[in-house]
Amino acid sequence: MIRLALIGSSEKAKIYAGLSTRLHRATWTVFAPLDSGDVSKAFGSLAKVTTIDDLFSQKLDDFDAVVVDADADVAERIAKEAMNLSKPALVGMLGQGAETIGAGNVLLMPAHPWRFIPSIQAVRRSVDTGKLGAPGLLRIHRWLPLSKIKSTTIERILPDIDLACWFFNEVPDSVWSLQSAVNDDYIQFHLGFTNGGMAMIDLAASLPSGGDYYSLTMIGEKGAAYADDHHNMNLLYSGGQPSAIRSNQGHAELVHQLQEFVDVIDGKYEQSVYLADTICAVQVVDQVLESANTREVVKKEQRK
C-alpha cells in the first residue's frame, strides 16, 4: 500500500479525499493545507493534518510519496524539496520554472490531468493503434466564461499546447498566433509540425456566465476522431424551456493520473508524462506569446 501525502488547498483536499475509494494500492495518510480553510471537512479521519515544514522534517516516516496541487511557484519549490528527500512526487501545475528543477533519480511526475480525460485518452488510443493513420490536423476549441479568479494566459493555453505536442510526438516547427487587441482573453494559434501536420487552437476566456465548451478533433490520413463535452449534457424538463445540465464525471482524469503515479511507484506501469514534456510545452507557450506580440511566424531555428 502506497501512503500518499497531499499538499493543496482545503477545497482541493475535499476532491482528492473523495477519490480514496477509487484508488488501488494507495491511501492518504498526511495532508498539508496551503490555506486556512476548514480542513476538518477535507479528509476527516483519513489523514493527519500538518504543515509543509513539518511534513518534510517530522512526518517523513508517515508517507511514501507526495501529491502537490498548487500554483507554479509553490509546486516548483516543493518538487525540489521532495527530490532532495528522495520522495516520489506528482506535482502540478508547473510553469516556466520547471526547467530549474533538474533531473534526478527520484520519480517526479508533472501533473498533466488533461491527458487523462477519458475522451482524450480514447482519441490518443486511436492514434497509437494506427486507426487514423499519420496525424494530419488537430483542431481544438476551448471557450470559458469569465472567472472571478483570473488565470494567466500561460495557464490557460499550456494544456492544449501540451496535447498538440503529445499527439504529434514532437514540438512544432513553426508557430503563429493572433491575440485580440481589445480582448486579451481571446487567442488563437497555429502550430506547424515537420511531417506536414498542424494544430489549430482557439481559446476564449470571456464568455458570459454559464457552462464552458470544449472540443478536440484529430484528422489523420485514414480517419478522424472527435472528443467534446456534449455527451455530458442532459436536458432537464420541469415546465417551460428545458435546461441543459452537465453530468459529473467524478474527476476521472484525476483518478487515472493518480493511479498511474501509484502504479509507476509500484513498478507496474511505465511513466507516460515526464518533466521534459512540461518544459517543451512551456517553451512553445513562450513562442505563441512571442508570435502574438510580434504578429510574425516564429520558426524553430529562431527560438532562443
Protein backbone atom coordinates (compact mmCIF):
# COMPACT_ATOMS: atom_id res chain seq x y z
CA MET A 1 0.00 0.00 0.00
CA ILE A 2 1.46 3.37 -1.06
CA ARG A 3 0.93 6.05 1.59
CA LEU A 4 0.26 9.42 0.00
CA ALA A 5 0.68 12.93 1.38
CA LEU A 6 -1.29 15.79 -0.18
CA ILE A 7 -0.23 19.42 -0.35
CA GLY A 8 -3.01 21.68 -1.60
CA SER A 9 -5.94 23.87 -0.66
CA SER A 10 -8.70 22.66 1.64
CA GLU A 11 -11.15 22.76 -1.29
CA LYS A 12 -8.87 20.61 -3.44
CA ALA A 13 -8.42 18.25 -0.50
CA LYS A 14 -12.16 17.54 -0.47
CA ILE A 15 -11.89 16.44 -4.10
CA TYR A 16 -8.88 14.20 -3.50
CA ALA A 17 -10.44 12.71 -0.38
CA GLY A 18 -13.45 11.73 -2.46
CA LEU A 19 -11.20 9.74 -4.78
CA SER A 20 -9.91 7.49 -1.99
CA THR A 21 -12.21 4.56 -2.70
CA ARG A 22 -11.34 4.62 -6.40
CA LEU A 23 -7.58 4.20 -5.93
CA HIS A 24 -5.92 0.79 -5.85
CA ARG A 25 -2.98 0.07 -3.54
CA ALA A 26 -2.85 3.63 -2.20
CA THR A 27 -4.23 5.63 0.72
CA TRP A 28 -3.97 9.19 2.02
CA THR A 29 -2.09 9.49 5.30
CA VAL A 30 -1.00 13.14 5.63
CA PHE A 31 -2.44 16.46 4.47
CA ALA A 32 -0.57 19.79 4.50
CA PRO A 33 -3.01 22.61 3.63
CA LEU A 34 -1.93 25.70 1.72
CA ASP A 35 -4.72 27.83 3.19
CA SER A 36 -6.68 28.32 6.40
CA GLY A 37 -9.88 26.71 5.13
CA ASP A 38 -11.91 24.16 7.06
CA VAL A 39 -9.52 21.22 6.92
CA SER A 40 -11.77 19.13 9.17
CA LYS A 41 -14.13 18.61 6.22
CA ALA A 42 -11.33 17.69 3.84
CA PHE A 43 -10.02 14.28 4.85
CA GLY A 44 -11.75 13.84 8.19
CA SER A 45 -10.02 10.96 9.95
CA LEU A 46 -8.39 9.66 6.75
CA ALA A 47 -5.21 11.68 7.12
CA LYS A 48 -3.18 13.60 9.69
CA VAL A 49 -3.05 17.36 9.22
CA THR A 50 0.31 19.10 9.40
CA THR A 51 2.27 21.99 7.92
CA ILE A 52 4.51 21.77 4.88
CA ASP A 53 7.59 22.40 7.02
CA ASP A 54 6.66 19.64 9.46
CA LEU A 55 5.73 17.31 6.61
CA PHE A 56 9.29 17.39 5.31
CA SER A 57 11.01 17.46 8.70
CA GLN A 58 8.94 15.49 11.23
CA LYS A 59 6.49 13.39 9.17
CA LEU A 60 8.81 11.73 6.66
CA ASP A 61 8.03 8.28 8.05
CA ASP A 62 4.28 8.81 7.63
CA PHE A 63 4.19 8.84 3.82
CA ASP A 64 5.88 7.23 0.83
CA ALA A 65 5.07 9.78 -1.88
CA VAL A 66 3.67 13.29 -2.16
CA VAL A 67 0.96 14.80 -4.37
CA VAL A 68 1.12 18.56 -4.88
CA ASP A 69 -1.80 20.55 -6.31
CA ALA A 70 -0.68 24.17 -6.19
CA ASP A 71 0.25 27.12 -8.35
CA ALA A 72 3.52 27.03 -10.26
CA ASP A 73 5.77 28.82 -7.76
CA VAL A 74 4.73 26.63 -4.82
CA ALA A 75 4.70 23.44 -6.90
CA GLU A 76 8.22 24.01 -8.22
CA ARG A 77 9.62 24.73 -4.75
CA ILE A 78 8.02 21.64 -3.23
CA ALA A 79 9.14 19.46 -6.15
CA LYS A 80 12.75 20.35 -5.38
CA GLU A 81 12.26 19.58 -1.67
CA ALA A 82 10.68 16.21 -2.43
CA MET A 83 13.51 15.24 -4.76
CA ASN A 84 16.11 16.22 -2.17
CA LEU A 85 14.36 13.93 0.33
CA SER A 86 14.03 11.07 -2.20
CA LYS A 87 10.23 11.18 -2.09
CA PRO A 88 8.38 10.41 -5.36
CA ALA A 89 6.20 13.36 -6.31
CA LEU A 90 3.21 14.09 -8.54
CA VAL A 91 3.41 17.85 -8.94
CA GLY A 92 1.34 20.49 -10.68
CA MET A 93 0.86 22.94 -12.04
CA LEU A 94 4.44 23.51 -13.20
CA GLY A 95 5.26 26.55 -15.31
CA GLN A 96 8.23 28.48 -16.61
CA GLY A 97 10.38 27.44 -13.66
CA ALA A 98 10.04 23.73 -14.46
CA GLU A 99 13.45 23.57 -16.11
CA THR A 100 15.09 24.76 -12.88
CA ILE A 101 14.01 21.59 -11.05
CA GLY A 102 16.66 19.48 -12.73
CA ALA A 103 16.89 15.77 -13.32
CA GLY A 104 17.30 13.22 -10.55
CA ASN A 105 16.96 9.56 -9.69
CA VAL A 106 13.67 10.11 -7.83
CA LEU A 107 10.32 9.78 -9.59
CA LEU A 108 8.95 13.21 -10.49
CA MET A 109 5.71 13.14 -12.46
CA PRO A 110 4.34 16.51 -13.58
CA ALA A 111 0.57 16.75 -13.36
CA HIS A 112 -0.98 16.89 -16.84
CA PRO A 113 -4.57 15.89 -15.95
CA TRP A 114 -5.88 16.96 -19.38
CA ARG A 115 -4.09 13.95 -20.90
CA PHE A 116 -6.06 11.60 -18.65
CA ILE A 117 -9.57 12.75 -19.61
CA PRO A 118 -11.30 9.56 -20.85
CA SER A 119 -12.38 11.05 -24.20
CA ILE A 120 -8.88 12.41 -24.86
CA GLN A 121 -7.41 9.02 -23.96
CA ALA A 122 -9.74 7.39 -26.49
CA VAL A 123 -8.53 9.71 -29.26
CA ARG A 124 -4.93 9.02 -28.30
CA ARG A 125 -5.52 5.26 -28.49
CA SER A 126 -6.94 5.69 -31.99
CA VAL A 127 -3.70 7.43 -32.98
CA ASP A 128 -1.43 4.91 -31.24
CA THR A 129 -3.12 1.89 -32.80
CA GLY A 130 -2.83 3.37 -36.29
CA LYS A 131 -6.58 3.54 -36.89
CA LEU A 132 -6.29 7.16 -38.01
CA GLY A 133 -3.02 6.85 -39.88
CA ALA A 134 -0.46 9.64 -39.54
CA PRO A 135 -1.87 12.66 -37.64
CA GLY A 136 -2.72 15.50 -40.00
CA LEU A 137 -4.85 18.19 -38.37
CA LEU A 138 -5.62 18.72 -34.69
CA ARG A 139 -8.41 21.22 -34.06
CA ILE A 140 -9.20 22.39 -30.52
CA HIS A 141 -11.81 24.86 -29.25
CA ARG A 142 -11.76 25.84 -25.58
CA TRP A 143 -14.28 28.50 -24.58
CA LEU A 144 -14.59 29.54 -20.94
CA PRO A 145 -16.80 32.02 -19.08
CA LEU A 146 -15.32 34.92 -17.18
CA SER A 147 -13.90 33.83 -13.84
CA LYS A 148 -13.55 35.76 -10.60
CA ILE A 149 -10.12 34.15 -10.23
CA LYS A 150 -8.36 35.20 -13.41
CA SER A 151 -5.78 32.70 -14.62
CA THR A 152 -2.81 33.75 -16.70
CA THR A 153 -2.67 33.25 -20.45
CA ILE A 154 0.15 30.75 -19.90
CA GLU A 155 -2.00 28.65 -17.54
CA ARG A 156 -4.90 28.68 -20.00
CA ILE A 157 -3.05 27.70 -23.17
CA LEU A 158 -0.43 25.28 -21.80
CA PRO A 159 -2.78 22.24 -21.61
CA ASP A 160 -3.77 22.41 -25.28
CA ILE A 161 -0.21 23.08 -26.43
CA ASP A 162 0.89 20.03 -24.47
CA LEU A 163 -1.87 17.96 -26.08
CA ALA A 164 -0.72 19.07 -29.54
CA CYS A 165 2.91 18.15 -28.85
CA TRP A 166 1.74 14.84 -27.35
CA PHE A 167 -0.43 13.86 -30.31
CA PHE A 168 2.29 14.70 -32.85
CA ASN A 169 5.11 13.40 -30.61
CA GLU A 170 7.25 16.49 -31.27
CA VAL A 171 7.41 20.23 -30.76
CA PRO A 172 6.16 22.38 -33.64
CA ASP A 173 8.50 23.58 -36.37
CA SER A 174 6.63 26.88 -36.71
CA VAL A 175 4.26 28.90 -34.53
CA TRP A 176 1.86 31.66 -35.47
CA SER A 177 -0.68 33.26 -33.17
CA LEU A 178 -3.10 36.14 -33.03
CA GLN A 179 -4.47 37.74 -29.88
CA SER A 180 -7.39 40.15 -29.82
CA ALA A 181 -6.34 43.78 -29.43
CA VAL A 182 -9.50 44.57 -27.46
CA ASN A 183 -9.82 41.32 -25.52
CA ASP A 184 -6.67 39.69 -24.15
CA ASP A 185 -8.79 36.74 -23.02
CA TYR A 186 -9.04 35.54 -26.63
CA ILE A 187 -6.15 33.97 -28.53
CA GLN A 188 -5.84 31.62 -31.49
CA PHE A 189 -2.69 29.92 -32.69
CA HIS A 190 -1.38 27.62 -35.39
CA LEU A 191 1.36 25.06 -34.78
CA GLY A 192 3.11 23.53 -37.78
CA PHE A 193 4.93 20.21 -37.45
CA THR A 194 7.77 18.76 -39.52
CA ASN A 195 5.67 15.95 -41.02
CA GLY A 196 3.25 18.46 -42.53
CA GLY A 197 0.75 18.11 -39.71
CA MET A 198 -0.72 21.11 -37.95
CA ALA A 199 -2.72 22.12 -34.89
CA MET A 200 -5.22 24.98 -34.93
CA ILE A 201 -6.33 26.05 -31.47
CA ASP A 202 -8.53 28.89 -30.25
CA LEU A 203 -9.21 29.81 -26.66
CA ALA A 204 -11.63 32.33 -25.23
CA ALA A 205 -11.99 33.07 -21.52
CA SER A 206 -14.53 35.89 -21.66
CA LEU A 207 -17.85 34.20 -22.36
CA PRO A 208 -20.97 35.17 -20.38
CA SER A 209 -21.52 33.26 -17.16
CA GLY A 210 -22.63 29.68 -17.59
CA GLY A 211 -21.10 26.48 -18.86
CA ASP A 212 -17.90 26.21 -20.86
CA TYR A 213 -17.34 24.41 -24.16
CA TYR A 214 -14.53 22.15 -25.31
CA SER A 215 -13.98 20.11 -28.44
CA LEU A 216 -11.00 18.28 -29.92
CA THR A 217 -10.81 16.77 -33.41
CA MET A 218 -7.89 14.74 -34.75
CA ILE A 219 -7.93 14.14 -38.51
CA GLY A 220 -5.45 11.58 -39.80
CA GLU A 221 -4.64 10.17 -43.21
CA LYS A 222 -7.04 7.24 -42.70
CA GLY A 223 -9.74 8.59 -40.43
CA ALA A 224 -10.74 11.04 -37.73
CA ALA A 225 -11.61 11.01 -34.03
CA TYR A 226 -13.59 13.56 -32.06
CA ALA A 227 -13.98 14.40 -28.39
CA ASP A 228 -16.15 17.06 -26.79
CA ASP A 229 -18.23 17.74 -23.71
CA HIS A 230 -21.64 17.41 -25.42
CA HIS A 231 -22.20 13.88 -24.14
CA ASN A 232 -22.02 15.20 -20.59
CA MET A 233 -25.07 17.44 -21.04
CA ASN A 234 -28.58 16.32 -20.12
CA LEU A 235 -31.85 18.14 -20.71
CA LEU A 236 -33.98 18.74 -17.61
CA TYR A 237 -37.68 19.26 -18.27
CA SER A 238 -39.51 20.93 -15.39
CA GLY A 239 -42.04 23.07 -17.22
CA GLY A 240 -41.25 25.74 -19.75
CA GLN A 241 -37.98 25.63 -21.63
CA PRO A 242 -35.70 22.67 -20.79
CA SER A 243 -32.40 23.36 -19.04
CA ALA A 244 -29.08 21.82 -20.02
CA ILE A 245 -27.30 20.25 -17.05
CA ARG A 246 -23.81 18.84 -17.20
CA SER A 247 -23.37 15.44 -15.58
CA ASN A 248 -20.42 14.85 -13.30
CA GLN A 249 -17.60 12.56 -14.48
CA GLY A 250 -16.33 12.25 -10.93
CA HIS A 251 -12.90 13.73 -11.69
CA ALA A 252 -11.99 10.68 -13.75
CA GLU A 253 -8.87 12.40 -15.06
CA LEU A 254 -7.51 12.86 -11.53
CA VAL A 255 -8.23 9.22 -10.68
CA HIS A 256 -6.40 7.95 -13.77
CA GLN A 257 -3.47 10.29 -13.18
CA LEU A 258 -3.14 9.31 -9.53
CA GLN A 259 -3.41 5.62 -10.36
CA GLU A 260 -0.64 5.88 -12.94
CA PHE A 261 1.54 7.63 -10.35
CA VAL A 262 0.92 4.81 -7.85
CA ASP A 263 1.46 2.13 -10.48
CA VAL A 264 4.77 3.67 -11.56
CA ILE A 265 5.96 3.69 -7.94
CA ASP A 266 4.92 0.02 -7.68
CA GLY A 267 6.75 -0.81 -10.88
CA LYS A 268 3.53 -1.96 -12.54
CA TYR A 269 3.38 0.75 -15.20
CA GLU A 270 5.75 2.88 -17.25
CA GLN A 271 5.59 6.60 -16.66
CA SER A 272 3.81 8.42 -19.52
CA VAL A 273 4.36 12.06 -18.52
CA TYR A 274 7.81 13.48 -17.89
CA LEU A 275 9.26 16.80 -16.77
CA ALA A 276 10.67 17.20 -20.29
CA ASP A 277 7.08 17.25 -21.61
CA THR A 278 6.23 20.19 -19.37
CA ILE A 279 9.42 22.04 -20.29
CA CYS A 280 8.74 21.58 -24.03
CA ALA A 281 5.15 22.79 -23.65
CA VAL A 282 6.27 25.87 -21.70
CA GLN A 283 8.81 26.71 -24.41
CA VAL A 284 6.11 26.51 -27.07
CA VAL A 285 3.85 28.71 -24.92
CA ASP A 286 6.61 31.33 -24.94
CA GLN A 287 6.73 31.15 -28.75
CA VAL A 288 2.97 31.52 -29.02
CA LEU A 289 3.07 34.66 -26.88
CA GLU A 290 6.06 35.98 -28.83
CA SER A 291 4.20 35.50 -32.10
CA ALA A 292 1.11 37.20 -30.67
CA ASN A 293 3.22 40.23 -29.71
CA THR A 294 5.17 40.47 -32.98
CA ARG A 295 2.37 39.18 -35.26
CA GLU A 296 5.02 37.15 -37.06
CA VAL A 297 5.64 33.45 -37.55
CA VAL A 298 8.24 32.04 -35.16
CA LYS A 299 10.34 29.27 -36.71
CA LYS A 300 12.15 26.61 -34.70
CA GLU A 301 15.58 27.87 -35.76
CA GLN A 302 14.69 31.36 -34.49
CA ARG A 303 13.96 30.20 -30.97
CA LYS A 304 16.28 31.16 -28.19
